[in-house]
Amino acid sequence: MTNAAGRPNLSVDELDSTGHGSLAQLLTTGPFPEALRAAIKASRLSLDRIQHRLALRGVTISVATLSYWQSGRRRPERPESLEALRHLETVLGVPQAGLSALLGPPRPRGRRSRPTTMMPIDALWARRERVANLLTKVDTSSDVKLGRISQHDRIEIAADGGQRSAWVRQILRAEQDGPDRWALVFETEESDVLPRVANLRNCHLGRVAEDTDANIMVAELMFDRPLTRGETIIMEYELLFAEGHYPAGNNTFARKFRLPVREYVIEVRFDPSYLPSRCQQFSVPAGDDTPSRRRNLALDNAGGVHAVALGFGPGVFGIRWEWPK
C-alpha cells in the first residue's frame, strides 16, 4: 500500500533555516505566508508534487491557490480550505496545527470591504446589560489579543436530567505581546446556584463577579505569566455544580464565539439510566435570530453525542436534546 504523504515527518529542529528565521521560529511567530514558504522549501517538493500528494488524500486544490497562500495574496478561511490546510501540514511534515495556528481572524472580503468594529464580549448574550455590568468588574483587555485555535467542551448530564459539570480545554494563541488572562462568562436560566470553577490547569482563578438573581458569572482565569506574540497556551478547567442543584438549562448547552475558532468540539454525556430520545446540533451565526443549520445526532455506545465545528464564528454553536415523554 502506498503512503499518500510519501515522506516521513520531520521534526521542526531538523528543518533548514529559511527566510527571516528558521522554520521552528516561523511556526511560533509567523506570519503564515512566510512559515508556509519555509515549510514548502524544507519539504523539497514542488507545488505540483504537493498538489498531487494532496489529491491522493482526496483534497482538490489548485497550484495557483497554494501559490497565493505562500505569497500572502490569499489565505485559507473557508471550512474546506482549513481542511485542506490540515492535510497540507501532514504532506509538508510540520506539526499538526503548526500552520493553521498562525491564522488570525478572517479578513474582510471584496474591494469595498472596510474594517468593522469588533463585536463586544456581551453581544451574543440575551441579557446583555447584566453581562456587560459584570464584565466591568474584571479585566477583559487580554481577550482581543488571544486567537482561538481549539476548544473542547465535555458536558456531563446527571440521572435527573440536570447538568452535573462542564470540562473545558482551550488552546489559545497570543496575537500580541502581553495577554495574561481569559475572561470566562457562564449563564444558566434554570438554577438557584452558580457552578464552582475547579481543576484548573495552566491557569488560576482571579476575580469573580456574580449576578445571583440572573444566574450569570464572570471570572478571570489567570495565566502563569503574560504570553509573548505567537506563544500558545493549553488551558483546562471544570465548572462543577453542587449535588442536588443541577440545572436543566433548557436541555441545551451552547458556546458563544465573538471571534472565530479554528476547531470546536462539544460532547454531551448522559447518565445510562436516563437517555434522551433525540439530540441535535445547531448553529446560529451572529446577527441571526434562529438556528440556520441543524443536524440530528445518534447516541454512541457510551450514551453520549458529539459535534465538531471548523472555522466557526462569530456565532453560537451547541447541542440540544429531548427526553422521552
C-alpha atoms as a PDB file:
ATOM      1  CA  MET A   1       0.000   0.000   0.000  1.00  0.00           C
ATOM      2  CA  THR A   2       1.361   3.436  -0.902  1.00  0.00           C
ATOM      3  CA  ASN A   3       1.652   6.113   1.753  1.00  0.00           C
ATOM      4  CA  ALA A   4      -0.095   9.188   0.395  1.00  0.00           C
ATOM      5  CA  ALA A   5       2.303  11.532   2.144  1.00  0.00           C
ATOM      6  CA  GLY A   6       5.288   9.853   0.540  1.00  0.00           C
ATOM      7  CA  ARG A   7       7.866  11.040   3.077  1.00  0.00           C
ATOM      8  CA  PRO A   8       8.461  10.697   6.826  1.00  0.00           C
ATOM      9  CA  ASN A   9       7.533  13.578   9.102  1.00  0.00           C
ATOM     10  CA  LEU A  10      10.463  15.736  10.108  1.00  0.00           C
ATOM     11  CA  SER A  11      10.831  17.321  13.479  1.00  0.00           C
ATOM     12  CA  VAL A  12      10.954  21.101  13.431  1.00  0.00           C
ATOM     13  CA  ASP A  13      14.581  21.074  14.598  1.00  0.00           C
ATOM     14  CA  GLU A  14      15.636  19.008  11.562  1.00  0.00           C
ATOM     15  CA  LEU A  15      14.413  21.549   9.011  1.00  0.00           C
ATOM     16  CA  ASP A  16      16.680  24.081   7.352  1.00  0.00           C
ATOM     17  CA  SER A  17      16.734  27.759   8.148  1.00  0.00           C
ATOM     18  CA  THR A  18      14.903  29.874   5.582  1.00  0.00           C
ATOM     19  CA  GLY A  19      13.743  33.444   5.040  1.00  0.00           C
ATOM     20  CA  HIS A  20      13.908  35.671   8.112  1.00  0.00           C
ATOM     21  CA  GLY A  21      14.395  32.781  10.511  1.00  0.00           C
ATOM     22  CA  SER A  22      14.266  29.046  10.953  1.00  0.00           C
ATOM     23  CA  LEU A  23      11.081  27.138  10.271  1.00  0.00           C
ATOM     24  CA  ALA A  24      10.867  26.412  14.002  1.00  0.00           C
ATOM     25  CA  GLN A  25      10.847  30.138  14.704  1.00  0.00           C
ATOM     26  CA  LEU A  26       8.354  30.937  11.944  1.00  0.00           C
ATOM     27  CA  LEU A  27       5.954  28.238  13.163  1.00  0.00           C
ATOM     28  CA  THR A  28       5.965  30.008  16.514  1.00  0.00           C
ATOM     29  CA  THR A  29       5.840  33.653  15.491  1.00  0.00           C
ATOM     30  CA  GLY A  30       4.509  33.610  11.918  1.00  0.00           C
ATOM     31  CA  PRO A  31       3.399  35.230   9.777  1.00  0.00           C
ATOM     32  CA  PHE A  32       1.527  32.474   7.983  1.00  0.00           C
ATOM     33  CA  PRO A  33       2.835  33.099   4.411  1.00  0.00           C
ATOM     34  CA  GLU A  34       6.491  33.074   5.497  1.00  0.00           C
ATOM     35  CA  ALA A  35       6.016  29.932   7.587  1.00  0.00           C
ATOM     36  CA  LEU A  36       4.294  28.183   4.667  1.00  0.00           C
ATOM     37  CA  ARG A  37       7.073  29.179   2.255  1.00  0.00           C
ATOM     38  CA  ALA A  38       9.677  27.877   4.698  1.00  0.00           C
ATOM     39  CA  ALA A  39       7.818  24.580   5.122  1.00  0.00           C
ATOM     40  CA  ILE A  40       7.500  24.115   1.355  1.00  0.00           C
ATOM     41  CA  LYS A  41      11.196  24.868   0.866  1.00  0.00           C
ATOM     42  CA  ALA A  42      12.175  22.439   3.617  1.00  0.00           C
ATOM     43  CA  SER A  43       9.995  19.710   2.079  1.00  0.00           C
ATOM     44  CA  ARG A  44      11.904  19.978  -1.229  1.00  0.00           C
ATOM     45  CA  LEU A  45       8.593  19.424  -3.031  1.00  0.00           C
ATOM     46  CA  SER A  46       7.337  21.487  -5.960  1.00  0.00           C
ATOM     47  CA  LEU A  47       3.835  22.910  -5.825  1.00  0.00           C
ATOM     48  CA  ASP A  48       2.829  20.384  -8.493  1.00  0.00           C
ATOM     49  CA  ARG A  49       4.053  17.491  -6.343  1.00  0.00           C
ATOM     50  CA  ILE A  50       2.304  18.918  -3.291  1.00  0.00           C
ATOM     51  CA  GLN A  51      -0.924  19.199  -5.289  1.00  0.00           C
ATOM     52  CA  HIS A  52      -0.538  15.566  -6.394  1.00  0.00           C
ATOM     53  CA  ARG A  53       0.002  14.292  -2.861  1.00  0.00           C
ATOM     54  CA  LEU A  54      -2.979  16.228  -1.614  1.00  0.00           C
ATOM     55  CA  ALA A  55      -5.055  14.670  -4.390  1.00  0.00           C
ATOM     56  CA  LEU A  56      -4.050  11.226  -3.130  1.00  0.00           C
ATOM     57  CA  ARG A  57      -5.637  12.254   0.158  1.00  0.00           C
ATOM     58  CA  GLY A  58      -8.862  13.277  -1.574  1.00  0.00           C
ATOM     59  CA  VAL A  59      -8.094  17.010  -1.388  1.00  0.00           C
ATOM     60  CA  THR A  60      -8.657  19.086  -4.531  1.00  0.00           C
ATOM     61  CA  ILE A  61      -6.701  22.333  -4.606  1.00  0.00           C
ATOM     62  CA  SER A  62      -5.084  24.294  -7.417  1.00  0.00           C
ATOM     63  CA  VAL A  63      -1.400  25.142  -7.701  1.00  0.00           C
ATOM     64  CA  ALA A  64      -2.457  28.782  -8.017  1.00  0.00           C
ATOM     65  CA  THR A  65      -4.174  28.646  -4.626  1.00  0.00           C
ATOM     66  CA  LEU A  66      -1.079  27.163  -2.988  1.00  0.00           C
ATOM     67  CA  SER A  67       0.983  29.913  -4.608  1.00  0.00           C
ATOM     68  CA  TYR A  68      -1.414  32.600  -3.369  1.00  0.00           C
ATOM     69  CA  TRP A  69      -1.254  31.201   0.165  1.00  0.00           C
ATOM     70  CA  GLN A  70       2.535  31.279   0.335  1.00  0.00           C
ATOM     71  CA  SER A  71       2.711  34.756  -1.210  1.00  0.00           C
ATOM     72  CA  GLY A  72       0.177  36.207   1.219  1.00  0.00           C
ATOM     73  CA  ARG A  73      -2.235  37.267  -1.547  1.00  0.00           C
ATOM     74  CA  ARG A  74      -4.840  34.917  -0.099  1.00  0.00           C
ATOM     75  CA  ARG A  75      -5.156  32.699   2.937  1.00  0.00           C
ATOM     76  CA  PRO A  76      -7.317  29.704   3.876  1.00  0.00           C
ATOM     77  CA  GLU A  77     -10.519  30.825   5.564  1.00  0.00           C
ATOM     78  CA  ARG A  78     -13.407  28.653   4.354  1.00  0.00           C
ATOM     79  CA  PRO A  79     -14.027  25.316   6.129  1.00  0.00           C
ATOM     80  CA  GLU A  80     -12.909  23.333   3.071  1.00  0.00           C
ATOM     81  CA  SER A  81      -9.709  25.395   2.833  1.00  0.00           C
ATOM     82  CA  LEU A  82      -8.956  24.819   6.514  1.00  0.00           C
ATOM     83  CA  GLU A  83      -9.457  21.086   5.991  1.00  0.00           C
ATOM     84  CA  ALA A  84      -7.050  21.208   3.020  1.00  0.00           C
ATOM     85  CA  LEU A  85      -4.534  23.021   5.209  1.00  0.00           C
ATOM     86  CA  ARG A  86      -4.721  20.231   7.768  1.00  0.00           C
ATOM     87  CA  HIS A  87      -3.715  17.709   5.085  1.00  0.00           C
ATOM     88  CA  LEU A  88      -1.072  20.100   3.764  1.00  0.00           C
ATOM     89  CA  GLU A  89       0.575  20.146   7.190  1.00  0.00           C
ATOM     90  CA  THR A  90       0.894  16.353   7.030  1.00  0.00           C
ATOM     91  CA  VAL A  91       2.271  16.400   3.483  1.00  0.00           C
ATOM     92  CA  LEU A  92       4.884  19.012   4.451  1.00  0.00           C
ATOM     93  CA  GLY A  93       5.768  17.144   7.649  1.00  0.00           C
ATOM     94  CA  VAL A  94       5.133  20.023  10.042  1.00  0.00           C
ATOM     95  CA  PRO A  95       3.439  19.533  13.441  1.00  0.00           C
ATOM     96  CA  GLN A  96      -0.352  19.296  13.463  1.00  0.00           C
ATOM     97  CA  ALA A  97      -1.903  22.809  13.553  1.00  0.00           C
ATOM     98  CA  GLY A  98       1.620  24.232  13.093  1.00  0.00           C
ATOM     99  CA  LEU A  99       0.455  26.384  10.180  1.00  0.00           C
ATOM    100  CA  SER A 100      -3.250  26.802  10.956  1.00  0.00           C
ATOM    101  CA  ALA A 101      -2.388  28.223  14.383  1.00  0.00           C
ATOM    102  CA  LEU A 102      -0.806  31.200  12.612  1.00  0.00           C
ATOM    103  CA  LEU A 103      -4.086  32.265  11.013  1.00  0.00           C
ATOM    104  CA  GLY A 104      -5.833  35.172  12.670  1.00  0.00           C
ATOM    105  CA  PRO A 105      -9.480  36.224  12.300  1.00  0.00           C
ATOM    106  CA  PRO A 106     -10.869  36.159   8.734  1.00  0.00           C
ATOM    107  CA  ARG A 107     -10.174  39.279   6.703  1.00  0.00           C
ATOM    108  CA  PRO A 108     -12.954  41.363   5.112  1.00  0.00           C
ATOM    109  CA  ARG A 109     -13.723  40.276   1.538  1.00  0.00           C
ATOM    110  CA  GLY A 110     -14.178  42.425  -1.557  1.00  0.00           C
ATOM    111  CA  ARG A 111     -12.679  45.675  -2.765  1.00  0.00           C
ATOM    112  CA  ARG A 112     -15.089  47.785  -0.786  1.00  0.00           C
ATOM    113  CA  SER A 113     -14.727  45.866   2.418  1.00  0.00           C
ATOM    114  CA  ARG A 114     -13.760  48.024   5.350  1.00  0.00           C
ATOM    115  CA  PRO A 115     -12.602  47.118   8.824  1.00  0.00           C
ATOM    116  CA  THR A 116     -15.588  46.589  11.084  1.00  0.00           C
ATOM    117  CA  THR A 117     -15.908  47.309  14.764  1.00  0.00           C
ATOM    118  CA  MET A 118     -15.165  44.190  16.761  1.00  0.00           C
ATOM    119  CA  MET A 119     -18.176  42.574  18.371  1.00  0.00           C
ATOM    120  CA  PRO A 120     -18.330  43.316  22.135  1.00  0.00           C
ATOM    121  CA  ILE A 121     -17.950  40.379  24.519  1.00  0.00           C
ATOM    122  CA  ASP A 122     -21.557  40.726  25.683  1.00  0.00           C
ATOM    123  CA  ALA A 123     -23.026  40.975  22.159  1.00  0.00           C
ATOM    124  CA  LEU A 124     -24.257  37.382  21.841  1.00  0.00           C
ATOM    125  CA  TRP A 125     -25.865  37.140  25.278  1.00  0.00           C
ATOM    126  CA  ALA A 126     -29.640  37.545  25.659  1.00  0.00           C
ATOM    127  CA  ARG A 127     -29.248  39.533  28.892  1.00  0.00           C
ATOM    128  CA  ARG A 128     -26.567  41.857  27.555  1.00  0.00           C
ATOM    129  CA  GLU A 129     -26.901  44.586  30.171  1.00  0.00           C
ATOM    130  CA  ARG A 130     -26.378  42.183  33.063  1.00  0.00           C
ATOM    131  CA  VAL A 131     -23.382  40.538  31.370  1.00  0.00           C
ATOM    132  CA  ALA A 132     -21.885  43.923  30.470  1.00  0.00           C
ATOM    133  CA  ASN A 133     -22.240  45.085  34.074  1.00  0.00           C
ATOM    134  CA  LEU A 134     -20.337  42.044  35.372  1.00  0.00           C
ATOM    135  CA  LEU A 135     -17.606  42.474  32.765  1.00  0.00           C
ATOM    136  CA  THR A 136     -16.812  45.928  34.149  1.00  0.00           C
ATOM    137  CA  LYS A 137     -15.676  44.203  37.363  1.00  0.00           C
ATOM    138  CA  VAL A 138     -12.929  42.158  35.689  1.00  0.00           C
ATOM    139  CA  ASP A 139     -10.074  42.896  33.261  1.00  0.00           C
ATOM    140  CA  THR A 140     -11.063  41.976  29.682  1.00  0.00           C
ATOM    141  CA  SER A 141      -8.153  43.714  27.897  1.00  0.00           C
ATOM    142  CA  SER A 142      -6.458  40.404  27.033  1.00  0.00           C
ATOM    143  CA  ASP A 143      -9.434  38.988  25.131  1.00  0.00           C
ATOM    144  CA  VAL A 144      -8.780  40.759  21.832  1.00  0.00           C
ATOM    145  CA  LYS A 145      -5.124  39.682  21.951  1.00  0.00           C
ATOM    146  CA  LEU A 146      -5.943  35.959  22.010  1.00  0.00           C
ATOM    147  CA  GLY A 147      -6.613  33.846  18.912  1.00  0.00           C
ATOM    148  CA  ARG A 148      -8.966  30.897  19.370  1.00  0.00           C
ATOM    149  CA  ILE A 149      -7.244  27.812  17.961  1.00  0.00           C
ATOM    150  CA  SER A 150      -9.160  24.969  19.586  1.00  0.00           C
ATOM    151  CA  GLN A 151     -11.847  24.460  22.201  1.00  0.00           C
ATOM    152  CA  HIS A 152     -13.268  21.239  23.628  1.00  0.00           C
ATOM    153  CA  ASP A 153     -16.309  21.191  25.937  1.00  0.00           C
ATOM    154  CA  ARG A 154     -17.458  17.974  27.635  1.00  0.00           C
ATOM    155  CA  ILE A 155     -20.788  18.196  29.443  1.00  0.00           C
ATOM    156  CA  GLU A 156     -21.916  15.587  31.980  1.00  0.00           C
ATOM    157  CA  ILE A 157     -25.673  15.193  32.446  1.00  0.00           C
ATOM    158  CA  ALA A 158     -26.930  13.588  35.663  1.00  0.00           C
ATOM    159  CA  ALA A 159     -29.658  10.977  36.134  1.00  0.00           C
ATOM    160  CA  ASP A 160     -32.190  13.725  36.922  1.00  0.00           C
ATOM    161  CA  GLY A 161     -31.515  15.389  33.556  1.00  0.00           C
ATOM    162  CA  GLY A 162     -29.573  18.313  35.002  1.00  0.00           C
ATOM    163  CA  GLN A 163     -26.056  19.419  34.165  1.00  0.00           C
ATOM    164  CA  ARG A 164     -23.555  17.963  36.622  1.00  0.00           C
ATOM    165  CA  SER A 165     -20.398  19.545  35.201  1.00  0.00           C
ATOM    166  CA  ALA A 166     -18.628  21.015  32.189  1.00  0.00           C
ATOM    167  CA  TRP A 167     -14.972  20.233  31.455  1.00  0.00           C
ATOM    168  CA  VAL A 168     -13.261  22.738  29.171  1.00  0.00           C
ATOM    169  CA  ARG A 169      -9.961  22.579  27.291  1.00  0.00           C
ATOM    170  CA  GLN A 170      -8.822  25.573  25.244  1.00  0.00           C
ATOM    171  CA  ILE A 171      -5.784  26.254  23.081  1.00  0.00           C
ATOM    172  CA  LEU A 172      -5.176  29.970  22.707  1.00  0.00           C
ATOM    173  CA  ARG A 173      -2.506  31.885  20.797  1.00  0.00           C
ATOM    174  CA  ALA A 174      -1.210  35.347  21.643  1.00  0.00           C
ATOM    175  CA  GLU A 175      -1.687  37.658  18.650  1.00  0.00           C
ATOM    176  CA  GLN A 176       0.143  40.444  20.508  1.00  0.00           C
ATOM    177  CA  ASP A 177       2.520  40.606  23.451  1.00  0.00           C
ATOM    178  CA  GLY A 178       1.002  40.733  26.902  1.00  0.00           C
ATOM    179  CA  PRO A 179      -2.238  38.723  27.286  1.00  0.00           C
ATOM    180  CA  ASP A 180      -2.297  37.256  30.790  1.00  0.00           C
ATOM    181  CA  ARG A 181      -5.851  36.036  31.385  1.00  0.00           C
ATOM    182  CA  TRP A 182      -9.049  34.633  29.910  1.00  0.00           C
ATOM    183  CA  ALA A 183     -12.456  36.109  30.725  1.00  0.00           C
ATOM    184  CA  LEU A 184     -14.972  33.331  31.424  1.00  0.00           C
ATOM    185  CA  VAL A 185     -18.704  34.072  31.148  1.00  0.00           C
ATOM    186  CA  PHE A 186     -21.270  31.486  32.246  1.00  0.00           C
ATOM    187  CA  GLU A 187     -25.054  31.763  32.304  1.00  0.00           C
ATOM    188  CA  THR A 188     -27.902  29.404  33.149  1.00  0.00           C
ATOM    189  CA  GLU A 189     -31.563  30.304  33.239  1.00  0.00           C
ATOM    190  CA  GLU A 190     -32.812  27.403  35.371  1.00  0.00           C
ATOM    191  CA  SER A 191     -30.793  27.148  38.566  1.00  0.00           C
ATOM    192  CA  ASP A 192     -30.631  28.621  42.026  1.00  0.00           C
ATOM    193  CA  VAL A 193     -26.864  28.227  42.248  1.00  0.00           C
ATOM    194  CA  LEU A 194     -23.843  29.005  40.081  1.00  0.00           C
ATOM    195  CA  PRO A 195     -21.056  26.482  39.432  1.00  0.00           C
ATOM    196  CA  ARG A 196     -17.692  26.294  41.149  1.00  0.00           C
ATOM    197  CA  VAL A 197     -14.575  26.709  38.997  1.00  0.00           C
ATOM    198  CA  ALA A 198     -12.205  23.825  39.777  1.00  0.00           C
ATOM    199  CA  ASN A 199      -9.448  21.554  38.453  1.00  0.00           C
ATOM    200  CA  LEU A 200      -7.608  24.347  36.690  1.00  0.00           C
ATOM    201  CA  ARG A 201      -4.552  23.590  34.529  1.00  0.00           C
ATOM    202  CA  ASN A 202      -2.043  26.228  33.362  1.00  0.00           C
ATOM    203  CA  CYS A 203      -4.167  28.954  34.956  1.00  0.00           C
ATOM    204  CA  HIS A 204      -5.546  30.020  38.318  1.00  0.00           C
ATOM    205  CA  LEU A 205      -8.675  31.813  39.417  1.00  0.00           C
ATOM    206  CA  GLY A 206      -8.606  35.599  39.571  1.00  0.00           C
ATOM    207  CA  ARG A 207     -11.507  37.919  40.261  1.00  0.00           C
ATOM    208  CA  VAL A 208     -15.039  36.504  40.157  1.00  0.00           C
ATOM    209  CA  ALA A 209     -18.223  38.558  39.725  1.00  0.00           C
ATOM    210  CA  GLU A 210     -21.683  37.038  40.072  1.00  0.00           C
ATOM    211  CA  ASP A 211     -25.247  38.147  39.407  1.00  0.00           C
ATOM    212  CA  THR A 212     -27.118  35.626  41.544  1.00  0.00           C
ATOM    213  CA  ASP A 213     -30.535  36.965  40.536  1.00  0.00           C
ATOM    214  CA  ALA A 214     -29.825  36.301  36.858  1.00  0.00           C
ATOM    215  CA  ASN A 215     -27.525  33.273  37.448  1.00  0.00           C
ATOM    216  CA  ILE A 216     -24.631  34.798  35.479  1.00  0.00           C
ATOM    217  CA  MET A 217     -20.985  34.531  36.456  1.00  0.00           C
ATOM    218  CA  VAL A 218     -17.850  36.195  35.094  1.00  0.00           C
ATOM    219  CA  ALA A 219     -14.391  35.051  36.166  1.00  0.00           C
ATOM    220  CA  GLU A 220     -10.761  35.755  35.331  1.00  0.00           C
ATOM    221  CA  LEU A 221      -8.622  32.704  34.572  1.00  0.00           C
ATOM    222  CA  MET A 222      -5.084  33.976  35.087  1.00  0.00           C
ATOM    223  CA  PHE A 223      -2.147  32.563  33.138  1.00  0.00           C
ATOM    224  CA  ASP A 224       1.081  31.810  34.996  1.00  0.00           C
ATOM    225  CA  ARG A 225       2.731  34.711  33.134  1.00  0.00           C
ATOM    226  CA  PRO A 226       1.954  37.083  30.245  1.00  0.00           C
ATOM    227  CA  LEU A 227       2.292  35.498  26.799  1.00  0.00           C
ATOM    228  CA  THR A 228       4.502  36.810  24.022  1.00  0.00           C
ATOM    229  CA  ARG A 229       3.307  37.184  20.437  1.00  0.00           C
ATOM    230  CA  GLY A 230       2.961  33.804  18.751  1.00  0.00           C
ATOM    231  CA  GLU A 231       3.037  31.859  22.042  1.00  0.00           C
ATOM    232  CA  THR A 232       0.302  29.310  22.695  1.00  0.00           C
ATOM    233  CA  ILE A 233      -1.251  28.026  25.904  1.00  0.00           C
ATOM    234  CA  ILE A 234      -3.292  24.906  26.707  1.00  0.00           C
ATOM    235  CA  MET A 235      -5.760  25.784  29.454  1.00  0.00           C
ATOM    236  CA  GLU A 236      -8.208  23.490  31.260  1.00  0.00           C
ATOM    237  CA  TYR A 237     -10.870  23.982  33.925  1.00  0.00           C
ATOM    238  CA  GLU A 238     -14.158  22.496  35.141  1.00  0.00           C
ATOM    239  CA  LEU A 239     -17.468  24.019  36.146  1.00  0.00           C
ATOM    240  CA  LEU A 240     -18.961  21.881  38.912  1.00  0.00           C
ATOM    241  CA  PHE A 241     -22.499  22.190  40.275  1.00  0.00           C
ATOM    242  CA  ALA A 242     -23.364  21.186  43.816  1.00  0.00           C
ATOM    243  CA  GLU A 243     -25.244  17.902  44.139  1.00  0.00           C
ATOM    244  CA  GLY A 244     -28.971  18.489  44.166  1.00  0.00           C
ATOM    245  CA  HIS A 245     -28.601  21.745  42.237  1.00  0.00           C
ATOM    246  CA  TYR A 246     -28.028  20.501  38.706  1.00  0.00           C
ATOM    247  CA  PRO A 247     -29.596  22.995  36.243  1.00  0.00           C
ATOM    248  CA  ALA A 248     -31.707  21.695  33.362  1.00  0.00           C
ATOM    249  CA  GLY A 249     -30.524  24.568  31.202  1.00  0.00           C
ATOM    250  CA  ASN A 250     -33.424  24.194  28.742  1.00  0.00           C
ATOM    251  CA  ASN A 251     -31.890  20.826  27.784  1.00  0.00           C
ATOM    252  CA  THR A 252     -29.229  22.729  25.849  1.00  0.00           C
ATOM    253  CA  PHE A 253     -25.551  23.528  26.047  1.00  0.00           C
ATOM    254  CA  ALA A 254     -24.152  26.144  23.683  1.00  0.00           C
ATOM    255  CA  ARG A 255     -20.904  28.071  23.324  1.00  0.00           C
ATOM    256  CA  LYS A 256     -20.822  31.698  22.171  1.00  0.00           C
ATOM    257  CA  PHE A 257     -17.936  32.832  19.945  1.00  0.00           C
ATOM    258  CA  ARG A 258     -17.446  36.517  19.256  1.00  0.00           C
ATOM    259  CA  LEU A 259     -14.210  35.688  17.386  1.00  0.00           C
ATOM    260  CA  PRO A 260     -13.695  32.710  15.044  1.00  0.00           C
ATOM    261  CA  VAL A 261     -12.408  29.421  16.453  1.00  0.00           C
ATOM    262  CA  ARG A 262     -10.422  27.078  14.199  1.00  0.00           C
ATOM    263  CA  GLU A 263     -11.806  23.917  15.838  1.00  0.00           C
ATOM    264  CA  TYR A 264     -14.633  23.448  18.307  1.00  0.00           C
ATOM    265  CA  VAL A 265     -15.611  20.064  19.764  1.00  0.00           C
ATOM    266  CA  ILE A 266     -18.621  19.649  22.033  1.00  0.00           C
ATOM    267  CA  GLU A 267     -19.504  16.398  23.812  1.00  0.00           C
ATOM    268  CA  VAL A 268     -22.586  15.706  25.896  1.00  0.00           C
ATOM    269  CA  ARG A 269     -22.567  12.571  28.053  1.00  0.00           C
ATOM    270  CA  PHE A 270     -25.803  11.287  29.581  1.00  0.00           C
ATOM    271  CA  ASP A 271     -26.373   9.040  32.577  1.00  0.00           C
ATOM    272  CA  PRO A 272     -27.094   5.481  31.327  1.00  0.00           C
ATOM    273  CA  SER A 273     -30.249   5.342  33.451  1.00  0.00           C
ATOM    274  CA  TYR A 274     -31.822   8.303  31.657  1.00  0.00           C
ATOM    275  CA  LEU A 275     -31.068   8.728  27.964  1.00  0.00           C
ATOM    276  CA  PRO A 276     -32.609  11.339  25.661  1.00  0.00           C
ATOM    277  CA  SER A 277     -34.973  10.409  22.847  1.00  0.00           C
ATOM    278  CA  ARG A 278     -33.420  12.906  20.441  1.00  0.00           C
ATOM    279  CA  CYS A 279     -30.243  15.007  20.165  1.00  0.00           C
ATOM    280  CA  GLN A 280     -29.491  17.707  17.630  1.00  0.00           C
ATOM    281  CA  GLN A 281     -26.579  20.048  16.953  1.00  0.00           C
ATOM    282  CA  PHE A 282     -27.323  23.604  15.893  1.00  0.00           C
ATOM    283  CA  SER A 283     -25.538  26.803  14.971  1.00  0.00           C
ATOM    284  CA  VAL A 284     -26.660  30.422  14.934  1.00  0.00           C
ATOM    285  CA  PRO A 285     -24.413  32.857  13.012  1.00  0.00           C
ATOM    286  CA  ALA A 286     -24.035  36.282  14.591  1.00  0.00           C
ATOM    287  CA  GLY A 287     -26.906  38.537  13.554  1.00  0.00           C
ATOM    288  CA  ASP A 288     -29.413  35.702  13.085  1.00  0.00           C
ATOM    289  CA  ASP A 289     -32.275  35.063  15.482  1.00  0.00           C
ATOM    290  CA  THR A 290     -32.849  31.367  14.769  1.00  0.00           C
ATOM    291  CA  PRO A 291     -30.583  28.378  14.072  1.00  0.00           C
ATOM    292  CA  SER A 292     -29.506  28.229  10.427  1.00  0.00           C
ATOM    293  CA  ARG A 293     -28.104  24.716  10.493  1.00  0.00           C
ATOM    294  CA  ARG A 294     -29.338  21.644  12.379  1.00  0.00           C
ATOM    295  CA  ARG A 295     -28.246  18.034  12.313  1.00  0.00           C
ATOM    296  CA  ASN A 296     -29.580  15.044  14.236  1.00  0.00           C
ATOM    297  CA  LEU A 297     -27.021  13.172  16.341  1.00  0.00           C
ATOM    298  CA  ALA A 298     -27.015   9.467  17.249  1.00  0.00           C
ATOM    299  CA  LEU A 299     -26.082   8.280  20.732  1.00  0.00           C
ATOM    300  CA  ASP A 300     -22.876   6.250  20.897  1.00  0.00           C
ATOM    301  CA  ASN A 301     -22.470   3.045  22.908  1.00  0.00           C
ATOM    302  CA  ALA A 302     -21.448   5.037  25.991  1.00  0.00           C
ATOM    303  CA  GLY A 303     -24.622   7.144  25.926  1.00  0.00           C
ATOM    304  CA  GLY A 304     -23.129  10.323  24.528  1.00  0.00           C
ATOM    305  CA  VAL A 305     -23.094  12.534  21.442  1.00  0.00           C
ATOM    306  CA  HIS A 306     -20.622  14.980  19.995  1.00  0.00           C
ATOM    307  CA  ALA A 307     -20.378  17.609  17.274  1.00  0.00           C
ATOM    308  CA  VAL A 308     -17.442  19.359  15.600  1.00  0.00           C
ATOM    309  CA  ALA A 309     -17.257  22.821  14.022  1.00  0.00           C
ATOM    310  CA  LEU A 310     -14.290  24.022  11.927  1.00  0.00           C
ATOM    311  CA  GLY A 311     -13.638  27.670  11.231  1.00  0.00           C
ATOM    312  CA  PHE A 312     -16.767  28.714  13.125  1.00  0.00           C
ATOM    313  CA  GLY A 313     -17.744  32.148  14.343  1.00  0.00           C
ATOM    314  CA  PRO A 314     -18.844  34.661  15.253  1.00  0.00           C
ATOM    315  CA  GLY A 315     -21.992  32.974  16.463  1.00  0.00           C
ATOM    316  CA  VAL A 316     -23.420  30.287  18.727  1.00  0.00           C
ATOM    317  CA  PHE A 317     -22.840  26.531  18.363  1.00  0.00           C
ATOM    318  CA  GLY A 318     -24.372  23.888  20.594  1.00  0.00           C
ATOM    319  CA  ILE A 319     -26.336  20.702  21.192  1.00  0.00           C
ATOM    320  CA  ARG A 320     -29.927  20.379  22.401  1.00  0.00           C
ATOM    321  CA  TRP A 321     -31.813  17.251  23.417  1.00  0.00           C
ATOM    322  CA  GLU A 322     -35.307  15.971  24.237  1.00  0.00           C
ATOM    323  CA  TRP A 323     -36.323  13.498  26.911  1.00  0.00           C
ATOM    324  CA  PRO A 324     -38.737  10.592  26.404  1.00  0.00           C
ATOM    325  CA  LYS A 325     -42.332  11.539  27.108  1.00  0.00           C
END
